[in-house]
Amino acid sequence: MFNMSGHYKNGEFTIALYYHIDSNNAADIEAELLEIRKSNPEGKLVLDAAKVDYISSAGLRIILRLLKAEKDVKIINVKPAVYEIFDTTGFTDMMPVEKAFGNCR
């Protein structure tokens, strides 16, 4: 387990993600995300990526499945290198993705 936790504030439920998200840990991360969300179904889902240094295609698949399950998901505090991955793969066209220092969509 990754000891992820979330908090509800102003109509949003925010879950912090951590470090590298790749094929080695994607299944565990997804299971933990879904469990947290199942226990806290209220509010718009926000993923805080401030501590994410890398996301692979396995991590992107997690985000795609969340987008299918949730009507409204956004990612905040994205580091420039990770933002580039989201931008290159078209995620910035599918959902709000905010850089760590300012908003970009």
C-alpha atoms as a PDB file:
ATOM      1  CA  MET A   1       0.000   0.000   0.000  1.00  0.00           C
ATOM      2  CA  PHE A   2       1.077   3.533  -0.708  1.00  0.00           C
ATOM      3  CA  ASN A   3      -0.708   5.144   2.231  1.00  0.00           C
ATOM      4  CA  MET A   4      -2.544   7.545  -0.026  1.00  0.00           C
ATOM      5  CA  SER A   5      -5.138   9.661   1.619  1.00  0.00           C
ATOM      6  CA  GLY A   6      -7.641  12.178   0.514  1.00  0.00           C
ATOM      7  CA  HIS A   7      -9.486  15.161   1.831  1.00  0.00           C
ATOM      8  CA  TYR A   8     -12.743  16.849   0.963  1.00  0.00           C
ATOM      9  CA  LYS A   9     -12.918  20.635   0.640  1.00  0.00           C
ATOM     10  CA  ASN A  10     -15.138  23.033  -1.302  1.00  0.00           C
ATOM     11  CA  GLY A  11     -16.866  20.334  -3.342  1.00  0.00           C
ATOM     12  CA  GLU A  12     -13.654  18.553  -4.328  1.00  0.00           C
ATOM     13  CA  PHE A  13     -12.126  15.331  -3.080  1.00  0.00           C
ATOM     14  CA  THR A  14      -8.345  15.501  -3.495  1.00  0.00           C
ATOM     15  CA  ILE A  15      -6.023  12.487  -3.447  1.00  0.00           C
ATOM     16  CA  ALA A  16      -2.247  12.975  -3.422  1.00  0.00           C
ATOM     17  CA  LEU A  17      -0.193  10.772  -5.747  1.00  0.00           C
ATOM     18  CA  TYR A  18       3.479   9.946  -5.171  1.00  0.00           C
ATOM     19  CA  TYR A  19       6.798   9.389  -6.976  1.00  0.00           C
ATOM     20  CA  HIS A  20       6.933   7.112 -10.031  1.00  0.00           C
ATOM     21  CA  ILE A  21       3.786   5.570 -11.438  1.00  0.00           C
ATOM     22  CA  ASP A  22       4.764   2.739 -13.755  1.00  0.00           C
ATOM     23  CA  SER A  23       3.991  -0.880 -14.609  1.00  0.00           C
ATOM     24  CA  ASN A  24       5.644  -2.075 -11.396  1.00  0.00           C
ATOM     25  CA  ASN A  25       3.172  -0.290  -9.128  1.00  0.00           C
ATOM     26  CA  ALA A  26       0.244   0.806 -11.312  1.00  0.00           C
ATOM     27  CA  ALA A  27      -2.101  -2.015 -10.284  1.00  0.00           C
ATOM     28  CA  ASP A  28      -1.531  -1.341  -6.578  1.00  0.00           C
ATOM     29  CA  ILE A  29      -1.915   2.409  -7.019  1.00  0.00           C
ATOM     30  CA  GLU A  30      -5.132   1.960  -8.968  1.00  0.00           C
ATOM     31  CA  ALA A  31      -6.559  -0.408  -6.362  1.00  0.00           C
ATOM     32  CA  GLU A  32      -5.751   2.029  -3.566  1.00  0.00           C
ATOM     33  CA  LEU A  33      -7.200   4.991  -5.510  1.00  0.00           C
ATOM     34  CA  LEU A  34     -10.417   3.112  -6.176  1.00  0.00           C
ATOM     35  CA  GLU A  35     -10.723   2.027  -2.548  1.00  0.00           C
ATOM     36  CA  ILE A  36     -10.218   5.587  -1.286  1.00  0.00           C
ATOM     37  CA  ARG A  37     -12.741   6.914  -3.795  1.00  0.00           C
ATOM     38  CA  LYS A  38     -15.259   4.191  -2.964  1.00  0.00           C
ATOM     39  CA  SER A  39     -15.074   5.244   0.694  1.00  0.00           C
ATOM     40  CA  ASN A  40     -15.372   8.931  -0.281  1.00  0.00           C
ATOM     41  CA  PRO A  41     -17.633   9.222  -3.346  1.00  0.00           C
ATOM     42  CA  GLU A  42     -18.625  12.856  -2.844  1.00  0.00           C
ATOM     43  CA  GLY A  43     -17.244  15.771  -4.818  1.00  0.00           C
ATOM     44  CA  LYS A  44     -15.217  16.313  -7.946  1.00  0.00           C
ATOM     45  CA  LEU A  45     -12.133  14.079  -8.038  1.00  0.00           C
ATOM     46  CA  VAL A  46      -8.813  15.937  -7.958  1.00  0.00           C
ATOM     47  CA  LEU A  47      -5.456  14.172  -8.225  1.00  0.00           C
ATOM     48  CA  ASP A  48      -2.598  16.137  -6.678  1.00  0.00           C
ATOM     49  CA  ALA A  49       0.561  15.224  -8.602  1.00  0.00           C
ATOM     50  CA  ALA A  50       2.970  17.522  -6.727  1.00  0.00           C
ATOM     51  CA  LYS A  51       5.132  14.553  -5.703  1.00  0.00           C
ATOM     52  CA  VAL A  52       4.933  12.621  -8.993  1.00  0.00           C
ATOM     53  CA  ASP A  53       8.262  12.562 -10.822  1.00  0.00           C
ATOM     54  CA  TYR A  54       7.289  10.177 -13.622  1.00  0.00           C
ATOM     55  CA  ILE A  55       4.198   8.533 -15.096  1.00  0.00           C
ATOM     56  CA  SER A  56       4.349   5.706 -17.643  1.00  0.00           C
ATOM     57  CA  SER A  57       1.700   4.420 -20.023  1.00  0.00           C
ATOM     58  CA  ALA A  58       0.509   2.139 -17.212  1.00  0.00           C
ATOM     59  CA  GLY A  59      -0.112   5.219 -15.072  1.00  0.00           C
ATOM     60  CA  LEU A  60      -1.862   6.965 -17.940  1.00  0.00           C
ATOM     61  CA  ARG A  61      -4.203   3.962 -18.255  1.00  0.00           C
ATOM     62  CA  ILE A  62      -5.176   4.472 -14.605  1.00  0.00           C
ATOM     63  CA  ILE A  63      -6.119   8.068 -15.419  1.00  0.00           C
ATOM     64  CA  LEU A  64      -8.118   6.942 -18.483  1.00  0.00           C
ATOM     65  CA  ARG A  65     -10.087   4.440 -16.404  1.00  0.00           C
ATOM     66  CA  LEU A  66     -10.777   7.126 -13.792  1.00  0.00           C
ATOM     67  CA  LEU A  67     -12.019   9.437 -16.553  1.00  0.00           C
ATOM     68  CA  LYS A  68     -14.435   6.737 -17.713  1.00  0.00           C
ATOM     69  CA  ALA A  69     -15.698   6.112 -14.172  1.00  0.00           C
ATOM     70  CA  GLU A  70     -15.890   9.743 -13.009  1.00  0.00           C
ATOM     71  CA  LYS A  71     -17.606  12.529 -14.861  1.00  0.00           C
ATOM     72  CA  ASP A  72     -15.182  15.156 -13.629  1.00  0.00           C
ATOM     73  CA  VAL A  73     -11.481  14.608 -12.878  1.00  0.00           C
ATOM     74  CA  LYS A  74      -8.613  17.055 -12.827  1.00  0.00           C
ATOM     75  CA  ILE A  75      -4.919  16.828 -12.037  1.00  0.00           C
ATOM     76  CA  ILE A  76      -3.139  19.629 -10.196  1.00  0.00           C
ATOM     77  CA  ASN A  77       0.418  20.600  -9.225  1.00  0.00           C
ATOM     78  CA  VAL A  78       2.001  18.752 -12.149  1.00  0.00           C
ATOM     79  CA  LYS A  79       5.776  19.110 -12.522  1.00  0.00           C
ATOM     80  CA  PRO A  80       6.956  20.302 -15.971  1.00  0.00           C
ATOM     81  CA  ALA A  81       8.407  16.934 -17.076  1.00  0.00           C
ATOM     82  CA  VAL A  82       5.204  15.117 -16.120  1.00  0.00           C
ATOM     83  CA  TYR A  83       3.064  17.839 -17.698  1.00  0.00           C
ATOM     84  CA  GLU A  84       4.953  17.264 -20.948  1.00  0.00           C
ATOM     85  CA  ILE A  85       3.892  13.598 -20.855  1.00  0.00           C
ATOM     86  CA  PHE A  86       0.245  14.581 -20.307  1.00  0.00           C
ATOM     87  CA  ASP A  87       0.452  17.171 -23.080  1.00  0.00           C
ATOM     88  CA  THR A  88       2.194  14.913 -25.600  1.00  0.00           C
ATOM     89  CA  THR A  89      -0.313  12.113 -25.048  1.00  0.00           C
ATOM     90  CA  GLY A  90      -3.340  14.408 -25.383  1.00  0.00           C
ATOM     91  CA  PHE A  91      -4.491  14.252 -21.774  1.00  0.00           C
ATOM     92  CA  THR A  92      -4.439  18.045 -21.547  1.00  0.00           C
ATOM     93  CA  ASP A  93      -7.178  18.059 -24.211  1.00  0.00           C
ATOM     94  CA  MET A  94      -9.307  15.527 -22.310  1.00  0.00           C
ATOM     95  CA  MET A  95      -9.193  16.992 -18.825  1.00  0.00           C
ATOM     96  CA  PRO A  96      -7.882  19.925 -16.800  1.00  0.00           C
ATOM     97  CA  VAL A  97      -4.185  19.452 -16.042  1.00  0.00           C
ATOM     98  CA  GLU A  98      -2.622  22.254 -14.002  1.00  0.00           C
ATOM     99  CA  LYS A  99       1.114  22.834 -13.781  1.00  0.00           C
ATOM    100  CA  ALA A 100       2.660  23.273 -10.374  1.00  0.00           C
ATOM    101  CA  PHE A 101       3.198  27.002 -10.939  1.00  0.00           C
ATOM    102  CA  GLY A 102       0.132  28.221 -12.826  1.00  0.00           C
ATOM    103  CA  ASN A 103      -2.758  26.759 -14.724  1.00  0.00           C
ATOM    104  CA  CYS A 104      -2.494  25.111 -18.110  1.00  0.00           C
ATOM    105  CA  ARG A 105      -5.139  23.185 -19.928  1.00  0.00           C
END
